[in-house]
Structures are given as structure tokens and as C-alpha cells.
Amino acid sequence: PFDYFFWVARNASRTVVIDCGYEAAVGVRRKRPLTITPADA
């Protein structure tokens, strides 16, 4: 198995997102469909 991640660092002052995944259509074309969109997550 091979997973795909992005990361979130947050505290009371700020939120920083590290990387942001791929689009749903790209995932389908590359045969790795999304489990959840990064925006929804």
C-alpha cells in the first residue's frame, strides 16, 4: 500500500498547511482516486 498525505500545523495564533494534494480528475486519470478532497478534509 502507498498512501497520499498533506499536513496541518496549527495553534491559537495561526494555521499553516503543508502541501495540498491533487485534484479529483487527476486522481481518476492517474488511477488513484481521492478518498476525500483536501478542502473537505
PDB file of all heavy atoms in Angstrom:
ATOM      1  N   PRO A   1       0.832  -1.208   0.000  1.00  0.00           N
ATOM      2  CA  PRO A   1       0.000   0.000   0.000  1.00  0.00           C
ATOM      3  C   PRO A   1       0.864   1.254   0.000  1.00  0.00           C
ATOM      4  O   PRO A   1       1.996   1.252   0.516  1.00  0.00           O
ATOM      5  CB  PRO A   1      -0.805  -0.126   1.294  1.00  0.00           C
ATOM      6  CG  PRO A   1       0.032  -0.981   2.177  1.00  0.00           C
ATOM      7  CD  PRO A   1       0.758  -1.934   1.276  1.00  0.00           C
ATOM      8  N   PHE A   2       0.322   2.301  -0.573  1.00  0.00           N
ATOM      9  CA  PHE A   2       1.053   3.559  -0.725  1.00  0.00           C
ATOM     10  C   PHE A   2       0.042   4.682  -0.520  1.00  0.00           C
ATOM     11  O   PHE A   2      -0.898   4.829  -1.295  1.00  0.00           O
ATOM     12  CB  PHE A   2       1.668   3.617  -2.130  1.00  0.00           C
ATOM     13  CG  PHE A   2       2.684   4.704  -2.346  1.00  0.00           C
ATOM     14  CD1 PHE A   2       3.956   4.612  -1.811  1.00  0.00           C
ATOM     15  CD2 PHE A   2       2.379   5.814  -3.132  1.00  0.00           C
ATOM     16  CE1 PHE A   2       4.904   5.596  -2.036  1.00  0.00           C
ATOM     17  CE2 PHE A   2       3.314   6.797  -3.364  1.00  0.00           C
ATOM     18  CZ  PHE A   2       4.588   6.694  -2.824  1.00  0.00           C
ATOM     19  N   ASP A   3       0.218   5.449   0.552  1.00  0.00           N
ATOM     20  CA  ASP A   3      -0.748   6.479   0.911  1.00  0.00           C
ATOM     21  C   ASP A   3      -0.316   7.860   0.432  1.00  0.00           C
ATOM     22  O   ASP A   3       0.869   8.102   0.162  1.00  0.00           O
ATOM     23  CB  ASP A   3      -0.931   6.523   2.432  1.00  0.00           C
ATOM     24  CG  ASP A   3      -1.753   5.359   2.964  1.00  0.00           C
ATOM     25  OD1 ASP A   3      -2.304   4.585   2.148  1.00  0.00           O
ATOM     26  OD2 ASP A   3      -1.840   5.215   4.196  1.00  0.00           O
ATOM     27  N   TYR A   4      -1.295   8.765   0.390  1.00  0.00           N
ATOM     28  CA  TYR A   4      -1.052  10.152  -0.012  1.00  0.00           C
ATOM     29  C   TYR A   4      -1.531  11.064   1.108  1.00  0.00           C
ATOM     30  O   TYR A   4      -2.678  10.953   1.553  1.00  0.00           O
ATOM     31  CB  TYR A   4      -1.776  10.474  -1.320  1.00  0.00           C
ATOM     32  CG  TYR A   4      -1.218   9.704  -2.496  1.00  0.00           C
ATOM     33  CD1 TYR A   4      -1.575   8.373  -2.714  1.00  0.00           C
ATOM     34  CD2 TYR A   4      -0.290  10.287  -3.356  1.00  0.00           C
ATOM     35  CE1 TYR A   4      -1.025   7.651  -3.764  1.00  0.00           C
ATOM     36  CE2 TYR A   4       0.253   9.580  -4.408  1.00  0.00           C
ATOM     37  CZ  TYR A   4      -0.115   8.259  -4.607  1.00  0.00           C
ATOM     38  OH  TYR A   4       0.429   7.549  -5.646  1.00  0.00           O
ATOM     39  N   PHE A   5      -0.644  11.976   1.543  1.00  0.00           N
ATOM     40  CA  PHE A   5      -0.918  12.832   2.682  1.00  0.00           C
ATOM     41  C   PHE A   5      -0.707  14.308   2.348  1.00  0.00           C
ATOM     42  O   PHE A   5       0.067  14.654   1.458  1.00  0.00           O
ATOM     43  CB  PHE A   5       0.033  12.513   3.844  1.00  0.00           C
ATOM     44  CG  PHE A   5      -0.136  11.160   4.471  1.00  0.00           C
ATOM     45  CD1 PHE A   5       0.627  10.080   4.045  1.00  0.00           C
ATOM     46  CD2 PHE A   5      -1.051  10.964   5.497  1.00  0.00           C
ATOM     47  CE1 PHE A   5       0.492   8.828   4.634  1.00  0.00           C
ATOM     48  CE2 PHE A   5      -1.190   9.716   6.088  1.00  0.00           C
ATOM     49  CZ  PHE A   5      -0.429   8.651   5.659  1.00  0.00           C
ATOM     50  N   PHE A   6      -1.389  15.159   3.110  1.00  0.00           N
ATOM     51  CA  PHE A   6      -0.922  16.523   3.314  1.00  0.00           C
ATOM     52  C   PHE A   6      -0.932  16.752   4.816  1.00  0.00           C
ATOM     53  O   PHE A   6      -1.356  15.878   5.585  1.00  0.00           O
ATOM     54  CB  PHE A   6      -1.770  17.553   2.546  1.00  0.00           C
ATOM     55  CG  PHE A   6      -3.167  17.747   3.070  1.00  0.00           C
ATOM     56  CD1 PHE A   6      -3.446  18.754   3.983  1.00  0.00           C
ATOM     57  CD2 PHE A   6      -4.217  16.937   2.638  1.00  0.00           C
ATOM     58  CE1 PHE A   6      -4.739  18.943   4.466  1.00  0.00           C
ATOM     59  CE2 PHE A   6      -5.507  17.113   3.111  1.00  0.00           C
ATOM     60  CZ  PHE A   6      -5.769  18.120   4.041  1.00  0.00           C
ATOM     61  N   TRP A   7      -0.444  17.898   5.271  1.00  0.00           N
ATOM     62  CA  TRP A   7      -0.219  18.097   6.704  1.00  0.00           C
ATOM     63  C   TRP A   7      -0.726  19.467   7.155  1.00  0.00           C
ATOM     64  O   TRP A   7      -0.737  20.426   6.379  1.00  0.00           O
ATOM     65  CB  TRP A   7       1.274  17.960   7.030  1.00  0.00           C
ATOM     66  CG  TRP A   7       1.813  16.640   6.571  1.00  0.00           C
ATOM     67  CD1 TRP A   7       1.838  15.464   7.259  1.00  0.00           C
ATOM     68  CD2 TRP A   7       2.363  16.335   5.274  1.00  0.00           C
ATOM     69  NE1 TRP A   7       2.372  14.463   6.495  1.00  0.00           N
ATOM     70  CE2 TRP A   7       2.701  14.967   5.270  1.00  0.00           C
ATOM     71  CE3 TRP A   7       2.616  17.097   4.125  1.00  0.00           C
ATOM     72  CZ2 TRP A   7       3.272  14.343   4.170  1.00  0.00           C
ATOM     73  CZ3 TRP A   7       3.162  16.482   3.029  1.00  0.00           C
ATOM     74  CH2 TRP A   7       3.498  15.110   3.048  1.00  0.00           C
ATOM     75  N   VAL A   8      -1.125  19.527   8.418  1.00  0.00           N
ATOM     76  CA  VAL A   8      -1.627  20.763   9.012  1.00  0.00           C
ATOM     77  C   VAL A   8      -0.879  21.013  10.319  1.00  0.00           C
ATOM     78  O   VAL A   8      -0.759  20.105  11.156  1.00  0.00           O
ATOM     79  CB  VAL A   8      -3.138  20.669   9.306  1.00  0.00           C
ATOM     80  CG1 VAL A   8      -3.641  21.947   9.996  1.00  0.00           C
ATOM     81  CG2 VAL A   8      -3.931  20.406   8.027  1.00  0.00           C
ATOM     82  N   ALA A   9      -0.362  22.220  10.476  1.00  0.00           N
ATOM     83  CA  ALA A   9       0.232  22.658  11.748  1.00  0.00           C
ATOM     84  C   ALA A   9      -0.579  23.852  12.235  1.00  0.00           C
ATOM     85  O   ALA A   9      -0.766  24.820  11.480  1.00  0.00           O
ATOM     86  CB  ALA A   9       1.692  23.054  11.549  1.00  0.00           C
ATOM     87  N   ARG A  10      -1.057  23.785  13.469  1.00  0.00           N
ATOM     88  CA  ARG A  10      -1.888  24.898  13.938  1.00  0.00           C
ATOM     89  C   ARG A  10      -1.699  25.125  15.434  1.00  0.00           C
ATOM     90  O   ARG A  10      -1.356  24.222  16.194  1.00  0.00           O
ATOM     91  CB  ARG A  10      -3.353  24.644  13.631  1.00  0.00           C
ATOM     92  CG  ARG A  10      -3.992  23.517  14.434  1.00  0.00           C
ATOM     93  CD  ARG A  10      -5.464  23.369  14.090  1.00  0.00           C
ATOM     94  NE  ARG A  10      -6.093  22.343  14.931  1.00  0.00           N
ATOM     95  CZ  ARG A  10      -7.371  21.974  14.824  1.00  0.00           C
ATOM     96  NH1 ARG A  10      -8.142  22.545  13.933  1.00  0.00           N
ATOM     97  NH2 ARG A  10      -7.860  21.051  15.633  1.00  0.00           N
ATOM     98  N   ASN A  11      -1.918  26.362  15.824  1.00  0.00           N
ATOM     99  CA  ASN A  11      -2.009  26.748  17.227  1.00  0.00           C
ATOM    100  C   ASN A  11      -3.025  27.876  17.328  1.00  0.00           C
ATOM    101  O   ASN A  11      -3.751  28.152  16.357  1.00  0.00           O
ATOM    102  CB  ASN A  11      -0.631  27.118  17.808  1.00  0.00           C
ATOM    103  CG  ASN A  11       0.021  28.291  17.090  1.00  0.00           C
ATOM    104  OD1 ASN A  11      -0.645  29.096  16.433  1.00  0.00           O
ATOM    105  ND2 ASN A  11       1.331  28.404  17.226  1.00  0.00           N
ATOM    106  N   ALA A  12      -3.088  28.521  18.471  1.00  0.00           N
ATOM    107  CA  ALA A  12      -4.098  29.555  18.657  1.00  0.00           C
ATOM    108  C   ALA A  12      -3.851  30.773  17.779  1.00  0.00           C
ATOM    109  O   ALA A  12      -4.776  31.550  17.502  1.00  0.00           O
ATOM    110  CB  ALA A  12      -4.143  29.968  20.124  1.00  0.00           C
ATOM    111  N   SER A  13      -2.628  30.943  17.302  1.00  0.00           N
ATOM    112  CA  SER A  13      -2.274  32.132  16.530  1.00  0.00           C
ATOM    113  C   SER A  13      -2.399  31.955  15.030  1.00  0.00           C
ATOM    114  O   SER A  13      -2.685  32.905  14.304  1.00  0.00           O
ATOM    115  CB  SER A  13      -0.833  32.565  16.856  1.00  0.00           C
ATOM    116  OG  SER A  13      -0.686  32.867  18.214  1.00  0.00           O
ATOM    117  N   ARG A  14      -2.172  30.721  14.541  1.00  0.00           N
ATOM    118  CA  ARG A  14      -2.126  30.558  13.088  1.00  0.00           C
ATOM    119  C   ARG A  14      -2.335  29.107  12.683  1.00  0.00           C
ATOM    120  O   ARG A  14      -2.184  28.191  13.497  1.00  0.00           O
ATOM    121  CB  ARG A  14      -0.784  31.057  12.534  1.00  0.00           C
ATOM    122  CG  ARG A  14       0.404  30.204  12.902  1.00  0.00           C
ATOM    123  CD  ARG A  14       1.705  30.804  12.407  1.00  0.00           C
ATOM    124  NE  ARG A  14       1.911  32.127  12.978  1.00  0.00           N
ATOM    125  CZ  ARG A  14       2.422  32.343  14.202  1.00  0.00           C
ATOM    126  NH1 ARG A  14       2.772  31.311  14.964  1.00  0.00           N
ATOM    127  NH2 ARG A  14       2.580  33.549  14.651  1.00  0.00           N
ATOM    128  N   THR A  15      -2.645  28.962  11.392  1.00  0.00           N
ATOM    129  CA  THR A  15      -2.732  27.649  10.744  1.00  0.00           C
ATOM    130  C   THR A  15      -1.830  27.670   9.524  1.00  0.00           C
ATOM    131  O   THR A  15      -1.903  28.594   8.703  1.00  0.00           O
ATOM    132  CB  THR A  15      -4.167  27.327  10.318  1.00  0.00           C
ATOM    133  OG1 THR A  15      -4.989  27.201  11.483  1.00  0.00           O
ATOM    134  CG2 THR A  15      -4.235  26.039   9.509  1.00  0.00           C
ATOM    135  N   VAL A  16      -0.979  26.656   9.403  1.00  0.00           N
ATOM    136  CA  VAL A  16      -0.116  26.510   8.234  1.00  0.00           C
ATOM    137  C   VAL A  16      -0.407  25.147   7.617  1.00  0.00           C
ATOM    138  O   VAL A  16      -0.420  24.129   8.316  1.00  0.00           O
ATOM    139  CB  VAL A  16       1.378  26.618   8.619  1.00  0.00           C
ATOM    140  CG1 VAL A  16       2.267  26.431   7.384  1.00  0.00           C
ATOM    141  CG2 VAL A  16       1.662  27.963   9.284  1.00  0.00           C
ATOM    142  N   VAL A  17      -0.665  25.120   6.316  1.00  0.00           N
ATOM    143  CA  VAL A  17      -0.905  23.868   5.594  1.00  0.00           C
ATOM    144  C   VAL A  17       0.345  23.546   4.792  1.00  0.00           C
ATOM    145  O   VAL A  17       0.950  24.430   4.170  1.00  0.00           O
ATOM    146  CB  VAL A  17      -2.144  23.990   4.675  1.00  0.00           C
ATOM    147  CG1 VAL A  17      -2.324  22.726   3.829  1.00  0.00           C
ATOM    148  CG2 VAL A  17      -3.401  24.252   5.510  1.00  0.00           C
ATOM    149  N   ILE A  18       0.734  22.288   4.839  1.00  0.00           N
ATOM    150  CA  ILE A  18       1.926  21.835   4.112  1.00  0.00           C
ATOM    151  C   ILE A  18       1.478  20.894   3.004  1.00  0.00           C
ATOM    152  O   ILE A  18       0.953  19.809   3.259  1.00  0.00           O
ATOM    153  CB  ILE A  18       2.928  21.129   5.062  1.00  0.00           C
ATOM    154  CG1 ILE A  18       3.407  22.101   6.151  1.00  0.00           C
ATOM    155  CG2 ILE A  18       4.130  20.600   4.262  1.00  0.00           C
ATOM    156  CD1 ILE A  18       2.656  21.985   7.449  1.00  0.00           C
ATOM    157  N   ASP A  19       1.634  21.338   1.770  1.00  0.00           N
ATOM    158  CA  ASP A  19       1.189  20.652   0.558  1.00  0.00           C
ATOM    159  C   ASP A  19      -0.341  20.569   0.513  1.00  0.00           C
ATOM    160  O   ASP A  19      -1.022  20.836   1.512  1.00  0.00           O
ATOM    161  CB  ASP A  19       1.851  19.290   0.396  1.00  0.00           C
ATOM    162  CG  ASP A  19       3.349  19.408   0.110  1.00  0.00           C
ATOM    163  OD1 ASP A  19       3.777  20.478  -0.363  1.00  0.00           O
ATOM    164  OD2 ASP A  19       4.086  18.441   0.361  1.00  0.00           O
ATOM    165  N   CYS A  20      -0.861  20.221  -0.669  1.00  0.00           N
ATOM    166  CA  CYS A  20      -2.320  20.315  -0.812  1.00  0.00           C
ATOM    167  C   CYS A  20      -2.922  19.273  -1.749  1.00  0.00           C
ATOM    168  O   CYS A  20      -4.013  19.460  -2.284  1.00  0.00           O
ATOM    169  CB  CYS A  20      -2.717  21.724  -1.252  1.00  0.00           C
ATOM    170  SG  CYS A  20      -1.950  22.298  -2.781  1.00  0.00           S
ATOM    171  N   GLY A  21      -2.232  18.151  -1.964  1.00  0.00           N
ATOM    172  CA  GLY A  21      -2.847  17.033  -2.682  1.00  0.00           C
ATOM    173  C   GLY A  21      -3.054  17.271  -4.163  1.00  0.00           C
ATOM    174  O   GLY A  21      -2.491  18.195  -4.748  1.00  0.00           O
ATOM    175  N   TYR A  22      -3.864  16.412  -4.767  1.00  0.00           N
ATOM    176  CA  TYR A  22      -4.156  16.560  -6.193  1.00  0.00           C
ATOM    177  C   TYR A  22      -5.659  16.671  -6.423  1.00  0.00           C
ATOM    178  O   TYR A  22      -6.477  16.383  -5.549  1.00  0.00           O
ATOM    179  CB  TYR A  22      -3.569  15.416  -7.021  1.00  0.00           C
ATOM    180  CG  TYR A  22      -3.857  14.002  -6.550  1.00  0.00           C
ATOM    181  CD1 TYR A  22      -5.096  13.413  -6.739  1.00  0.00           C
ATOM    182  CD2 TYR A  22      -2.855  13.229  -5.962  1.00  0.00           C
ATOM    183  CE1 TYR A  22      -5.352  12.109  -6.348  1.00  0.00           C
ATOM    184  CE2 TYR A  22      -3.090  11.925  -5.561  1.00  0.00           C
ATOM    185  CZ  TYR A  22      -4.338  11.369  -5.761  1.00  0.00           C
ATOM    186  OH  TYR A  22      -4.586  10.081  -5.365  1.00  0.00           O
ATOM    187  N   GLU A  23      -6.006  17.119  -7.622  1.00  0.00           N
ATOM    188  CA  GLU A  23      -7.407  17.300  -7.997  1.00  0.00           C
ATOM    189  C   GLU A  23      -8.052  15.936  -8.255  1.00  0.00           C
ATOM    190  O   GLU A  23      -7.394  14.974  -8.645  1.00  0.00           O
ATOM    191  CB  GLU A  23      -7.512  18.166  -9.239  1.00  0.00           C
ATOM    192  CG  GLU A  23      -7.053  19.606  -9.040  1.00  0.00           C
ATOM    193  CD  GLU A  23      -7.163  20.411 -10.325  1.00  0.00           C
ATOM    194  OE1 GLU A  23      -6.855  19.844 -11.399  1.00  0.00           O
ATOM    195  OE2 GLU A  23      -7.574  21.582 -10.242  1.00  0.00           O
ATOM    196  N   ALA A  24      -9.374  15.885  -8.091  1.00  0.00           N
ATOM    197  CA  ALA A  24     -10.111  14.630  -8.269  1.00  0.00           C
ATOM    198  C   ALA A  24      -9.921  14.058  -9.669  1.00  0.00           C
ATOM    199  O   ALA A  24      -9.691  12.859  -9.836  1.00  0.00           O
ATOM    200  CB  ALA A  24     -11.591  14.851  -7.971  1.00  0.00           C
ATOM    201  N   ALA A  25     -10.011  14.904 -10.703  1.00  0.00           N
ATOM    202  CA  ALA A  25      -9.892  14.413 -12.081  1.00  0.00           C
ATOM    203  C   ALA A  25      -8.500  13.850 -12.352  1.00  0.00           C
ATOM    204  O   ALA A  25      -8.351  12.855 -13.075  1.00  0.00           O
ATOM    205  CB  ALA A  25     -10.205  15.549 -13.060  1.00  0.00           C
ATOM    206  N   VAL A  26      -7.486  14.458 -11.784  1.00  0.00           N
ATOM    207  CA  VAL A  26      -6.126  13.952 -11.937  1.00  0.00           C
ATOM    208  C   VAL A  26      -5.997  12.588 -11.272  1.00  0.00           C
ATOM    209  O   VAL A  26      -5.382  11.662 -11.808  1.00  0.00           O
ATOM    210  CB  VAL A  26      -5.110  14.944 -11.349  1.00  0.00           C
ATOM    211  CG1 VAL A  26      -3.709  14.337 -11.312  1.00  0.00           C
ATOM    212  CG2 VAL A  26      -5.096  16.230 -12.168  1.00  0.00           C
ATOM    213  N   GLY A  27      -6.606  12.441 -10.100  1.00  0.00           N
ATOM    214  CA  GLY A  27      -6.564  11.162  -9.413  1.00  0.00           C
ATOM    215  C   GLY A  27      -7.209  10.049 -10.208  1.00  0.00           C
ATOM    216  O   GLY A  27      -6.687   8.923 -10.263  1.00  0.00           O
ATOM    217  N   VAL A  28      -8.329  10.342 -10.836  1.00  0.00           N
ATOM    218  CA  VAL A  28      -9.014   9.341 -11.656  1.00  0.00           C
ATOM    219  C   VAL A  28      -8.143   8.964 -12.859  1.00  0.00           C
ATOM    220  O   VAL A  28      -7.960   7.780 -13.168  1.00  0.00           O
ATOM    221  CB  VAL A  28     -10.386   9.863 -12.106  1.00  0.00           C
ATOM    222  CG1 VAL A  28     -11.000   8.924 -13.145  1.00  0.00           C
ATOM    223  CG2 VAL A  28     -11.313  10.011 -10.910  1.00  0.00           C
ATOM    224  N   ARG A  29      -7.597   9.972 -13.533  1.00  0.00           N
ATOM    225  CA  ARG A  29      -6.772   9.706 -14.712  1.00  0.00           C
ATOM    226  C   ARG A  29      -5.516   8.931 -14.364  1.00  0.00           C
ATOM    227  O   ARG A  29      -5.070   8.067 -15.125  1.00  0.00           O
ATOM    228  CB  ARG A  29      -6.424  11.033 -15.400  1.00  0.00           C
ATOM    229  CG  ARG A  29      -5.455  10.893 -16.555  1.00  0.00           C
ATOM    230  CD  ARG A  29      -5.516  12.083 -17.499  1.00  0.00           C
ATOM    231  NE  ARG A  29      -5.492  13.346 -16.800  1.00  0.00           N
ATOM    232  CZ  ARG A  29      -4.384  13.940 -16.328  1.00  0.00           C
ATOM    233  NH1 ARG A  29      -3.213  13.336 -16.462  1.00  0.00           N
ATOM    234  NH2 ARG A  29      -4.455  15.110 -15.749  1.00  0.00           N
ATOM    235  N   ARG A  30      -4.945   9.202 -13.203  1.00  0.00           N
ATOM    236  CA  ARG A  30      -3.723   8.515 -12.788  1.00  0.00           C
ATOM    237  C   ARG A  30      -4.006   7.260 -11.952  1.00  0.00           C
ATOM    238  O   ARG A  30      -3.100   6.680 -11.362  1.00  0.00           O
ATOM    239  CB  ARG A  30      -2.814   9.488 -12.015  1.00  0.00           C
ATOM    240  CG  ARG A  30      -2.189  10.570 -12.897  1.00  0.00           C
ATOM    241  CD  ARG A  30      -1.296  11.480 -12.077  1.00  0.00           C
ATOM    242  NE  ARG A  30      -0.654  12.511 -12.878  1.00  0.00           N
ATOM    243  CZ  ARG A  30       0.612  12.482 -13.308  1.00  0.00           C
ATOM    244  NH1 ARG A  30       1.379  11.447 -13.016  1.00  0.00           N
ATOM    245  NH2 ARG A  30       1.113  13.474 -14.007  1.00  0.00           N
ATOM    246  N   LYS A  31      -5.272   6.869 -11.893  1.00  0.00           N
ATOM    247  CA  LYS A  31      -5.702   5.622 -11.236  1.00  0.00           C
ATOM    248  C   LYS A  31      -5.373   5.609  -9.742  1.00  0.00           C
ATOM    249  O   LYS A  31      -4.916   4.608  -9.196  1.00  0.00           O
ATOM    250  CB  LYS A  31      -5.094   4.401 -11.940  1.00  0.00           C
ATOM    251  CG  LYS A  31      -5.583   4.234 -13.369  1.00  0.00           C
ATOM    252  CD  LYS A  31      -5.007   2.998 -14.020  1.00  0.00           C
ATOM    253  CE  LYS A  31      -5.615   2.761 -15.386  1.00  0.00           C
ATOM    254  NZ  LYS A  31      -5.441   3.885 -16.323  1.00  0.00           N
ATOM    255  N   ARG A  32      -5.670   6.707  -9.094  1.00  0.00           N
ATOM    256  CA  ARG A  32      -5.544   6.821  -7.640  1.00  0.00           C
ATOM    257  C   ARG A  32      -6.611   7.800  -7.148  1.00  0.00           C
ATOM    258  O   ARG A  32      -6.320   8.938  -6.781  1.00  0.00           O
ATOM    259  CB  ARG A  32      -4.121   7.237  -7.238  1.00  0.00           C
ATOM    260  CG  ARG A  32      -3.617   8.498  -7.893  1.00  0.00           C
ATOM    261  CD  ARG A  32      -2.103   8.531  -7.950  1.00  0.00           C
ATOM    262  NE  ARG A  32      -1.618   7.673  -9.029  1.00  0.00           N
ATOM    263  CZ  ARG A  32      -0.340   7.342  -9.223  1.00  0.00           C
ATOM    264  NH1 ARG A  32       0.584   7.782  -8.408  1.00  0.00           N
ATOM    265  NH2 ARG A  32       0.023   6.570 -10.206  1.00  0.00           N
ATOM    266  N   PRO A  33      -7.871   7.379  -7.199  1.00  0.00           N
ATOM    267  CA  PRO A  33      -8.974   8.285  -6.859  1.00  0.00           C
ATOM    268  C   PRO A  33      -8.892   8.789  -5.422  1.00  0.00           C
ATOM    269  O   PRO A  33      -8.355   8.117  -4.534  1.00  0.00           O
ATOM    270  CB  PRO A  33     -10.221   7.425  -7.079  1.00  0.00           C
ATOM    271  CG  PRO A  33      -9.743   6.021  -6.994  1.00  0.00           C
ATOM    272  CD  PRO A  33      -8.348   6.028  -7.526  1.00  0.00           C
ATOM    273  N   LEU A  34      -9.440   9.975  -5.224  1.00  0.00           N
ATOM    274  CA  LEU A  34      -9.436  10.587  -3.901  1.00  0.00           C
ATOM    275  C   LEU A  34     -10.332   9.835  -2.930  1.00  0.00           C
ATOM    276  O   LEU A  34     -11.394   9.337  -3.298  1.00  0.00           O
ATOM    277  CB  LEU A  34      -9.935  12.033  -3.990  1.00  0.00           C
ATOM    278  CG  LEU A  34      -9.057  13.058  -4.701  1.00  0.00           C
ATOM    279  CD1 LEU A  34      -9.770  14.400  -4.738  1.00  0.00           C
ATOM    280  CD2 LEU A  34      -7.715  13.201  -4.014  1.00  0.00           C
ATOM    281  N   THR A  35      -9.906   9.790  -1.691  1.00  0.00           N
ATOM    282  CA  THR A  35     -10.757   9.344  -0.595  1.00  0.00           C
ATOM    283  C   THR A  35     -11.558  10.529  -0.062  1.00  0.00           C
ATOM    284  O   THR A  35     -12.727  10.403   0.302  1.00  0.00           O
ATOM    285  CB  THR A  35      -9.910   8.748   0.538  1.00  0.00           C
ATOM    286  OG1 THR A  35      -9.088   7.713   0.003  1.00  0.00           O
ATOM    287  CG2 THR A  35     -10.788   8.189   1.645  1.00  0.00           C
ATOM    288  N   ILE A  36     -10.914  11.693  -0.021  1.00  0.00           N
ATOM    289  CA  ILE A  36     -11.539  12.943   0.405  1.00  0.00           C
ATOM    290  C   ILE A  36     -10.773  14.075  -0.257  1.00  0.00           C
ATOM    291  O   ILE A  36      -9.554  13.967  -0.473  1.00  0.00           O
ATOM    292  CB  ILE A  36     -11.521  13.081   1.942  1.00  0.00           C
ATOM    293  CG1 ILE A  36     -12.362  14.277   2.400  1.00  0.00           C
ATOM    294  CG2 ILE A  36     -10.100  13.170   2.479  1.00  0.00           C
ATOM    295  CD1 ILE A  36     -12.565  14.336   3.906  1.00  0.00           C
ATOM    296  N   THR A  37     -11.462  15.147  -0.607  1.00  0.00           N
ATOM    297  CA  THR A  37     -10.740  16.292  -1.143  1.00  0.00           C
ATOM    298  C   THR A  37     -10.031  17.003   0.001  1.00  0.00           C
ATOM    299  O   THR A  37     -10.538  17.043   1.131  1.00  0.00           O
ATOM    300  CB  THR A  37     -11.668  17.287  -1.851  1.00  0.00           C
ATOM    301  OG1 THR A  37     -12.501  17.929  -0.881  1.00  0.00           O
ATOM    302  CG2 THR A  37     -12.532  16.608  -2.910  1.00  0.00           C
ATOM    303  N   PRO A  38      -8.866  17.568  -0.252  1.00  0.00           N
ATOM    304  CA  PRO A  38      -8.204  18.333   0.802  1.00  0.00           C
ATOM    305  C   PRO A  38      -9.080  19.449   1.378  1.00  0.00           C
ATOM    306  O   PRO A  38      -9.059  19.688   2.586  1.00  0.00           O
ATOM    307  CB  PRO A  38      -6.957  18.878   0.105  1.00  0.00           C
ATOM    308  CG  PRO A  38      -6.623  17.806  -0.892  1.00  0.00           C
ATOM    309  CD  PRO A  38      -7.974  17.366  -1.415  1.00  0.00           C
ATOM    310  N   ALA A  39      -9.865  20.103   0.532  1.00  0.00           N
ATOM    311  CA  ALA A  39     -10.748  21.172   1.024  1.00  0.00           C
ATOM    312  C   ALA A  39     -11.770  20.615   2.014  1.00  0.00           C
ATOM    313  O   ALA A  39     -12.037  21.225   3.066  1.00  0.00           O
ATOM    314  CB  ALA A  39     -11.438  21.857  -0.138  1.00  0.00           C
ATOM    315  N   ASP A  40     -12.341  19.456   1.696  1.00  0.00           N
ATOM    316  CA  ASP A  40     -13.323  18.852   2.604  1.00  0.00           C
ATOM    317  C   ASP A  40     -12.663  18.391   3.899  1.00  0.00           C
ATOM    318  O   ASP A  40     -13.247  18.489   4.982  1.00  0.00           O
ATOM    319  CB  ASP A  40     -14.028  17.677   1.923  1.00  0.00           C
ATOM    320  CG  ASP A  40     -15.043  18.128   0.883  1.00  0.00           C
ATOM    321  OD1 ASP A  40     -15.402  19.319   0.880  1.00  0.00           O
ATOM    322  OD2 ASP A  40     -15.468  17.273   0.073  1.00  0.00           O
ATOM    323  N   ALA A  41     -11.447  17.866   3.787  1.00  0.00           N
ATOM    324  CA  ALA A  41     -10.736  17.444   4.988  1.00  0.00           C
ATOM    325  C   ALA A  41     -10.437  18.639   5.888  1.00  0.00           C
ATOM    326  O   ALA A  41     -10.615  18.581   7.110  1.00  0.00           O
ATOM    327  CB  ALA A  41      -9.442  16.725   4.609  1.00  0.00           C
TER     328      ALA A  41
END
